[in-house]
Amino acid sequence: MKNKKTLLFWGELPPTVFHGISISNERILSALASEFDIYTVEDRGSFGGRLKALLSFFISTIKLGCLSLRKFDIYYINMPMSYLGLWKVYISVSCIKFLSSSTKVITHLHRGDFLDFIELSRNKKLLKYFLNRVDLVLTLSETSKSELVESELIKANKAQVLHNSILVLKDKAKILNNIPNEFQHSNFYCLCNYIPTKRIHRLVEIANEIPLTGIIFNGAAETKEYMQSLAVLDIGNICSFNGVVNGVEKERLLNEAKALVLPSLNEGMPLVILESLAQSTPVICYDIGYIRDYVGSEYPGLVKELTNKALKEKIEWLQALPPQEYLALRKKSFDLFWNNYEVNKVNSLALKIFQGLI
């Protein structure tokens, strides 16, 4: 048996952290496992404040240093769009390169606020230093790649598109065959961590203003105070605030929902959009980041005006759709995922990219 190449990964992974990036990390590492011996160091500093983040980074750096004595073929990390986060990965790459100059570095840009981030000169300067030590940047879309290359921080041959995908547990044919004839009594659904920047509080306000018959939330809570504030805003008692959900239960909740609603104005390309489309469930979200690259600029659920009023109007529009038009939207959503972002196709490309670098 041939010797496998080695890969060292540092970043967030389930079940410690559940969000689009960590789930993507897990899927890609699983796809690479057939050809790489993979070693992981988890980043546990996402929640709990700056002190916890720094302590986690200190521990991670020690682990990375010890593991790097093995001289890995590839070091794989995410590319954060925060000044502190970027310093962390820059230091880690510098350490890896110092111990093994032949190690190739792949970083993955998941965020959609790259242009906003580099508006600050200190951010752009640090990012330039970081990218000088990187061999390949993976982006979520052609738009993301173009932004990166046009910034002149990296050459075009060092950036490549790798679309997001998700693993679907339920059989494709069963999902299509089980699309019900009507969803008049279905709840709207929001699958998103309870973080103020995700603007869940705005969706709670909108749901009560309409008012909706019900809306279900699932996600990880950042603070008790924020959860208490959401309960106060739910004056009609129509919101159900639940914890993290995964696997079969998550697919069931998505499939049975009238639509997935995402109120965030700060996104790249959330995996939950693909998870919803795969279940034939329409998505209502703002036209931000690289979402239109995936669903198309004319997807009916895109909210073009970045206001609360526009989001509310889009929810009311979908709620009032005649049954046949609504079912056609479900079929359109289903086809978007299965024709373009099916997991085996995307995973095969990921493996080809990583193998091609060494």
Protein backbone atom coordinates (compact mmCIF):
# COMPACT_ATOMS: atom_id res chain seq x y z
CA MET A 1 0.00 0.00 0.00
CA LYS A 2 1.31 3.41 -0.94
CA ASN A 3 2.15 5.89 1.80
CA LYS A 4 -0.51 8.52 2.26
CA LYS A 5 0.32 12.20 2.24
CA THR A 6 -0.14 13.98 5.55
CA LEU A 7 -2.39 16.93 6.35
CA LEU A 8 -2.60 19.05 9.49
CA PHE A 9 -5.82 20.97 10.12
CA TRP A 10 -6.43 23.70 12.70
CA GLY A 11 -9.91 25.12 13.13
CA GLU A 12 -13.44 24.60 14.40
CA LEU A 13 -15.17 21.24 14.18
CA PRO A 14 -18.42 19.65 15.35
CA PRO A 15 -19.54 18.74 17.96
CA THR A 16 -17.57 21.45 19.77
CA VAL A 17 -18.86 24.15 17.40
CA PHE A 18 -21.85 23.91 15.09
CA HIS A 19 -22.04 26.45 12.29
CA GLY A 20 -21.56 26.51 8.53
CA ILE A 21 -17.77 26.74 8.63
CA SER A 22 -17.23 23.94 11.14
CA ILE A 23 -19.61 21.63 9.27
CA SER A 24 -17.80 22.42 6.01
CA ASN A 25 -14.47 21.67 7.69
CA GLU A 26 -15.71 18.28 8.84
CA ARG A 27 -17.08 17.38 5.40
CA ILE A 28 -13.92 18.34 3.54
CA LEU A 29 -11.65 16.49 5.95
CA SER A 30 -13.84 13.41 5.56
CA ALA A 31 -13.56 13.68 1.76
CA LEU A 32 -9.75 13.91 2.01
CA ALA A 33 -9.37 10.98 4.40
CA SER A 34 -9.12 8.41 1.61
CA GLU A 35 -5.83 9.90 0.37
CA PHE A 36 -4.42 11.76 3.40
CA ASP A 37 -3.48 10.91 6.94
CA ILE A 38 -5.23 13.75 8.75
CA TYR A 39 -4.28 15.31 12.07
CA THR A 40 -6.52 17.91 13.66
CA VAL A 41 -6.12 20.59 16.30
CA GLU A 42 -9.45 22.10 17.29
CA ASP A 43 -9.93 25.82 17.78
CA ARG A 44 -12.20 26.13 20.82
CA GLY A 45 -12.06 29.90 21.20
CA SER A 46 -15.18 30.97 19.26
CA PHE A 47 -17.41 31.43 22.28
CA GLY A 48 -16.63 32.72 25.75
CA GLY A 49 -14.84 36.01 25.16
CA ARG A 50 -11.36 37.21 24.25
CA LEU A 51 -9.59 35.65 27.25
CA LYS A 52 -10.86 32.19 26.33
CA ALA A 53 -9.91 32.76 22.69
CA LEU A 54 -6.34 33.71 23.64
CA LEU A 55 -6.01 30.74 26.00
CA SER A 56 -7.33 28.41 23.30
CA PHE A 57 -4.85 29.88 20.81
CA PHE A 58 -1.95 29.39 23.23
CA ILE A 59 -2.88 25.73 23.75
CA SER A 60 -3.42 25.23 20.01
CA THR A 61 -0.02 26.74 19.18
CA ILE A 62 1.72 24.30 21.50
CA LYS A 63 -0.14 21.37 19.93
CA LEU A 64 0.58 22.62 16.41
CA GLY A 65 4.27 23.02 17.23
CA CYS A 66 4.53 19.48 18.58
CA LEU A 67 2.66 17.97 15.65
CA SER A 68 4.62 20.00 13.09
CA LEU A 69 7.77 18.07 13.96
CA ARG A 70 6.24 15.42 11.67
CA LYS A 71 6.67 17.84 8.71
CA PHE A 72 3.24 17.67 7.11
CA ASP A 73 2.61 17.90 3.39
CA ILE A 74 -0.33 20.31 3.81
CA TYR A 75 -1.43 22.71 6.53
CA TYR A 76 -5.14 23.56 6.15
CA ILE A 77 -6.84 26.48 7.93
CA ASN A 78 -9.75 28.87 7.54
CA MET A 79 -9.14 32.52 6.72
CA PRO A 80 -10.87 34.72 9.33
CA MET A 81 -12.11 38.23 8.66
CA SER A 82 -11.16 39.66 12.06
CA TYR A 83 -7.91 41.33 13.05
CA LEU A 84 -7.27 39.08 16.06
CA GLY A 85 -8.30 35.97 14.15
CA LEU A 86 -6.00 36.84 11.28
CA TRP A 87 -3.09 37.36 13.66
CA LYS A 88 -3.74 33.90 15.09
CA VAL A 89 -3.59 32.12 11.73
CA TYR A 90 -0.64 34.24 10.55
CA ILE A 91 1.38 33.24 13.61
CA SER A 92 0.41 29.59 13.18
CA VAL A 93 1.46 29.59 9.50
CA SER A 94 4.75 31.26 10.38
CA CYS A 95 5.45 28.56 12.96
CA ILE A 96 4.58 25.78 10.53
CA LYS A 97 6.73 27.24 7.77
CA PHE A 98 9.65 27.74 10.18
CA LEU A 99 9.58 24.07 11.14
CA SER A 100 8.94 22.81 7.60
CA SER A 101 9.37 25.19 4.66
CA SER A 102 8.13 22.51 2.24
CA THR A 103 4.68 22.32 3.85
CA LYS A 104 1.99 23.71 1.56
CA VAL A 105 -0.56 26.03 3.16
CA ILE A 106 -4.20 26.04 2.06
CA THR A 107 -6.58 28.57 3.57
CA HIS A 108 -10.33 28.66 3.07
CA LEU A 109 -12.26 31.95 2.81
CA HIS A 110 -15.86 31.41 3.90
CA ARG A 111 -16.85 34.97 4.68
CA GLY A 112 -18.61 37.46 2.45
CA ASP A 113 -17.22 40.64 4.02
CA PHE A 114 -13.72 40.51 2.51
CA LEU A 115 -13.96 43.93 0.85
CA ASP A 116 -15.24 45.55 4.04
CA PHE A 117 -12.41 43.96 6.01
CA ILE A 118 -9.60 45.28 3.82
CA GLU A 119 -10.94 48.84 3.92
CA LEU A 120 -8.89 49.28 7.10
CA SER A 121 -5.23 49.68 6.20
CA ARG A 122 -4.00 47.62 9.15
CA ASN A 123 -6.23 44.70 8.10
CA LYS A 124 -5.07 44.85 4.49
CA LYS A 125 -1.41 45.04 5.52
CA LEU A 126 -1.67 42.02 7.81
CA LEU A 127 -3.63 40.09 5.21
CA LYS A 128 -0.90 40.76 2.65
CA TYR A 129 1.74 39.32 4.99
CA PHE A 130 -0.46 36.30 5.64
CA LEU A 131 -1.22 35.60 1.98
CA ASN A 132 2.47 35.83 1.09
CA ARG A 133 2.93 32.66 3.15
CA VAL A 134 -0.08 30.87 1.66
CA ASP A 135 0.10 28.54 -1.36
CA LEU A 136 -3.62 28.39 -2.19
CA VAL A 137 -6.79 30.19 -1.18
CA LEU A 138 -10.11 28.40 -1.60
CA THR A 139 -13.14 30.63 -2.14
CA LEU A 140 -16.84 29.87 -2.10
CA SER A 141 -17.65 31.44 -5.46
CA GLU A 142 -16.32 33.15 -8.56
CA THR A 143 -17.33 36.52 -7.10
CA SER A 144 -15.30 35.83 -3.98
CA LYS A 145 -12.31 34.78 -6.08
CA SER A 146 -12.58 37.91 -8.23
CA GLU A 147 -12.67 40.16 -5.16
CA LEU A 148 -9.57 38.48 -3.80
CA VAL A 149 -7.59 38.68 -7.04
CA GLU A 150 -8.69 42.24 -7.85
CA SER A 151 -7.45 43.36 -4.43
CA GLU A 152 -3.96 42.49 -5.74
CA LEU A 153 -3.18 40.69 -2.50
CA ILE A 154 -2.78 37.38 -4.30
CA LYS A 155 -2.25 36.16 -7.86
CA ALA A 156 -5.05 34.46 -9.77
CA ASN A 157 -3.21 31.14 -9.94
CA LYS A 158 -3.21 30.96 -6.14
CA ALA A 159 -7.00 31.18 -5.78
CA GLN A 160 -9.54 28.51 -6.69
CA VAL A 161 -13.29 28.13 -6.29
CA LEU A 162 -14.64 25.25 -4.20
CA HIS A 163 -18.39 25.50 -3.78
CA ASN A 164 -20.00 24.58 -0.52
CA SER A 165 -22.02 21.42 -0.20
CA ILE A 166 -23.69 19.37 2.49
CA LEU A 167 -24.24 15.69 3.24
CA VAL A 168 -27.91 14.77 2.89
CA LEU A 169 -29.03 11.77 4.93
CA LYS A 170 -32.40 11.27 3.31
CA ASP A 171 -32.60 9.75 -0.17
CA LYS A 172 -33.02 12.27 -2.98
CA ALA A 173 -35.97 10.47 -4.56
CA LYS A 174 -37.80 10.24 -1.24
CA ILE A 175 -37.43 13.97 -0.66
CA LEU A 176 -38.90 14.75 -4.08
CA ASN A 177 -41.73 12.23 -3.75
CA ASN A 178 -42.66 13.43 -0.27
CA ILE A 179 -43.30 17.06 -1.20
CA PRO A 180 -46.80 17.56 0.27
CA ASN A 181 -49.66 19.07 -1.67
CA GLU A 182 -49.97 22.05 0.65
CA PHE A 183 -48.17 23.77 3.51
CA GLN A 184 -50.91 26.04 4.81
CA HIS A 185 -50.28 25.13 8.43
CA SER A 186 -46.49 24.86 8.32
CA ASN A 187 -44.28 27.07 10.46
CA PHE A 188 -41.54 29.28 9.12
CA TYR A 189 -38.11 28.20 10.29
CA CYS A 190 -34.81 29.86 11.25
CA LEU A 191 -31.72 27.70 11.75
CA CYS A 192 -29.03 30.05 13.03
CA ASN A 193 -26.96 30.52 16.18
CA TYR A 194 -28.33 33.08 18.64
CA ILE A 195 -25.76 35.81 18.04
CA PRO A 196 -26.81 39.49 17.87
CA THR A 197 -25.02 40.02 14.55
CA LYS A 198 -27.29 37.38 13.00
CA ARG A 199 -30.23 39.74 13.73
CA ILE A 200 -32.57 37.08 15.08
CA HIS A 201 -34.16 39.78 17.24
CA ARG A 202 -35.27 41.57 14.06
CA LEU A 203 -36.94 38.41 12.76
CA VAL A 204 -38.72 37.94 16.09
CA GLU A 205 -40.05 41.49 15.81
CA ILE A 206 -41.18 40.93 12.20
CA ALA A 207 -42.85 37.61 13.03
CA ASN A 208 -44.89 39.34 15.73
CA GLU A 209 -45.77 42.32 13.53
CA ILE A 210 -47.23 40.23 10.68
CA PRO A 211 -48.14 38.15 12.78
CA LEU A 212 -47.07 34.66 11.73
CA THR A 213 -48.87 31.65 13.13
CA GLY A 214 -45.53 30.33 14.30
CA ILE A 215 -41.80 30.35 13.70
CA ILE A 216 -39.30 27.80 14.99
CA PHE A 217 -35.70 28.66 15.86
CA ASN A 218 -32.76 26.31 16.37
CA GLY A 219 -29.19 27.21 17.24
CA ALA A 220 -26.52 27.65 19.89
CA ALA A 221 -26.97 30.45 22.42
CA GLU A 222 -24.12 32.91 22.95
CA THR A 223 -25.46 34.52 26.14
CA LYS A 224 -28.45 34.13 28.48
CA GLU A 225 -29.06 37.86 28.23
CA TYR A 226 -29.66 37.71 24.48
CA MET A 227 -32.04 34.79 24.85
CA GLN A 228 -33.98 36.71 27.48
CA SER A 229 -34.21 39.72 25.18
CA LEU A 230 -35.66 37.52 22.42
CA ALA A 231 -38.34 36.21 24.78
CA VAL A 232 -39.32 39.79 25.67
CA LEU A 233 -39.68 40.69 21.98
CA ASP A 234 -41.94 37.68 21.36
CA ILE A 235 -45.05 39.51 22.57
CA GLY A 236 -47.42 37.17 20.71
CA ASN A 237 -45.75 34.03 22.04
CA ILE A 238 -45.41 32.68 18.50
CA CYS A 239 -41.68 31.89 18.54
CA SER A 240 -40.16 28.62 19.67
CA PHE A 241 -36.52 29.05 20.75
CA ASN A 242 -34.74 25.70 20.71
CA GLY A 243 -31.14 24.48 20.91
CA VAL A 244 -28.76 22.91 18.43
CA VAL A 245 -30.26 20.32 16.12
CA ASN A 246 -28.49 17.93 13.75
CA GLY A 247 -28.84 14.89 11.57
CA VAL A 248 -32.22 13.39 10.75
CA GLU A 249 -34.08 15.77 13.06
CA LYS A 250 -32.61 18.83 11.33
CA GLU A 251 -33.57 17.49 7.91
CA ARG A 252 -37.10 16.78 9.14
CA LEU A 253 -37.54 20.29 10.52
CA LEU A 254 -36.26 21.85 7.30
CA ASN A 255 -38.40 19.62 5.10
CA GLU A 256 -41.58 20.36 7.04
CA ALA A 257 -41.05 24.12 7.16
CA LYS A 258 -42.97 26.58 5.02
CA ALA A 259 -39.66 28.35 4.33
CA LEU A 260 -36.28 28.97 5.89
CA VAL A 261 -35.80 32.63 6.87
CA LEU A 262 -32.35 34.11 7.52
CA PRO A 263 -32.33 37.73 8.79
CA SER A 264 -28.53 38.17 8.83
CA LEU A 265 -26.85 40.96 6.86
CA ASN A 266 -23.36 39.54 7.32
CA GLU A 267 -22.90 36.25 5.45
CA GLY A 268 -20.73 34.58 2.88
CA MET A 269 -22.72 31.54 1.83
CA PRO A 270 -24.43 29.84 4.81
CA LEU A 271 -24.55 26.05 4.54
CA VAL A 272 -28.05 26.11 5.94
CA ILE A 273 -29.22 27.53 2.61
CA LEU A 274 -28.01 24.41 0.83
CA GLU A 275 -29.46 22.22 3.60
CA SER A 276 -32.83 23.84 3.05
CA LEU A 277 -32.74 23.68 -0.76
CA ALA A 278 -31.77 20.00 -0.59
CA GLN A 279 -35.00 19.36 1.32
CA SER A 280 -37.01 21.29 -1.32
CA THR A 281 -37.71 24.07 1.19
CA PRO A 282 -37.66 27.66 -0.14
CA VAL A 283 -35.22 30.15 1.37
CA ILE A 284 -35.87 33.79 2.23
CA CYS A 285 -32.66 35.73 2.81
CA TYR A 286 -30.94 38.99 1.94
CA ASP A 287 -29.01 39.31 -1.33
CA ILE A 288 -25.62 39.52 0.37
CA GLY A 289 -22.25 37.82 0.23
CA TYR A 290 -22.12 35.12 -2.43
CA ILE A 291 -25.64 33.83 -1.97
CA ARG A 292 -26.79 34.98 -5.42
CA ASP A 293 -23.86 33.07 -6.97
CA TYR A 294 -25.48 29.89 -5.67
CA VAL A 295 -29.21 30.49 -6.06
CA GLY A 296 -29.12 32.91 -9.00
CA SER A 297 -29.91 36.62 -9.03
CA GLU A 298 -33.58 35.96 -9.85
CA TYR A 299 -34.29 33.42 -7.11
CA PRO A 300 -37.70 34.50 -5.73
CA GLY A 301 -36.63 34.33 -2.07
CA LEU A 302 -33.80 36.84 -2.39
CA VAL A 303 -34.46 40.11 -0.55
CA LYS A 304 -32.79 42.78 -2.66
CA GLU A 305 -33.38 45.78 -0.39
CA LEU A 306 -31.41 45.37 2.84
CA THR A 307 -34.15 46.56 5.19
CA ASN A 308 -36.45 45.00 7.80
CA LYS A 309 -39.44 46.20 5.76
CA ALA A 310 -38.26 44.32 2.66
CA LEU A 311 -37.71 41.12 4.65
CA LYS A 312 -41.18 41.40 6.16
CA GLU A 313 -42.74 41.93 2.72
CA LYS A 314 -40.94 38.88 1.30
CA ILE A 315 -42.26 36.68 4.13
CA GLU A 316 -45.78 38.00 3.54
CA TRP A 317 -45.40 37.37 -0.21
CA LEU A 318 -44.46 33.75 0.29
CA GLN A 319 -47.18 33.27 2.87
CA ALA A 320 -49.76 34.42 0.31
CA LEU A 321 -48.53 32.31 -2.64
CA PRO A 322 -51.19 30.12 -4.28
CA PRO A 323 -50.59 26.38 -3.67
CA GLN A 324 -49.39 25.57 -7.18
CA GLU A 325 -46.94 28.47 -7.28
CA TYR A 326 -45.64 27.52 -3.86
CA LEU A 327 -45.10 23.90 -4.92
CA ALA A 328 -43.29 25.10 -8.06
CA LEU A 329 -40.98 27.14 -5.83
CA ARG A 330 -40.23 24.04 -3.75
CA LYS A 331 -39.35 22.09 -6.92
CA LYS A 332 -37.14 24.96 -8.14
CA SER A 333 -35.35 25.01 -4.80
CA PHE A 334 -34.84 21.24 -4.90
CA ASP A 335 -33.37 21.32 -8.41
CA LEU A 336 -30.97 24.14 -7.51
CA PHE A 337 -29.18 21.99 -4.99
CA TRP A 338 -29.26 18.58 -6.65
CA ASN A 339 -28.25 19.82 -10.09
CA ASN A 340 -25.34 21.95 -8.89
CA TYR A 341 -24.08 21.24 -5.36
CA GLU A 342 -24.52 17.53 -4.75
CA VAL A 343 -21.94 16.43 -2.20
CA ASN A 344 -20.09 13.74 -4.16
CA LYS A 345 -19.37 16.14 -7.02
CA VAL A 346 -18.02 18.84 -4.71
CA ASN A 347 -16.04 16.41 -2.55
CA SER A 348 -14.34 14.93 -5.61
CA LEU A 349 -13.19 18.40 -6.64
CA ALA A 350 -11.87 19.09 -3.12
CA LEU A 351 -9.76 15.94 -3.21
CA LYS A 352 -8.44 16.82 -6.66
CA ILE A 353 -7.44 20.31 -5.49
CA PHE A 354 -5.56 19.13 -2.44
CA GLN A 355 -3.79 16.33 -4.31
CA GLY A 356 -2.80 18.75 -7.06
CA LEU A 357 -0.89 20.99 -4.67
CA ILE A 358 1.71 18.37 -3.70
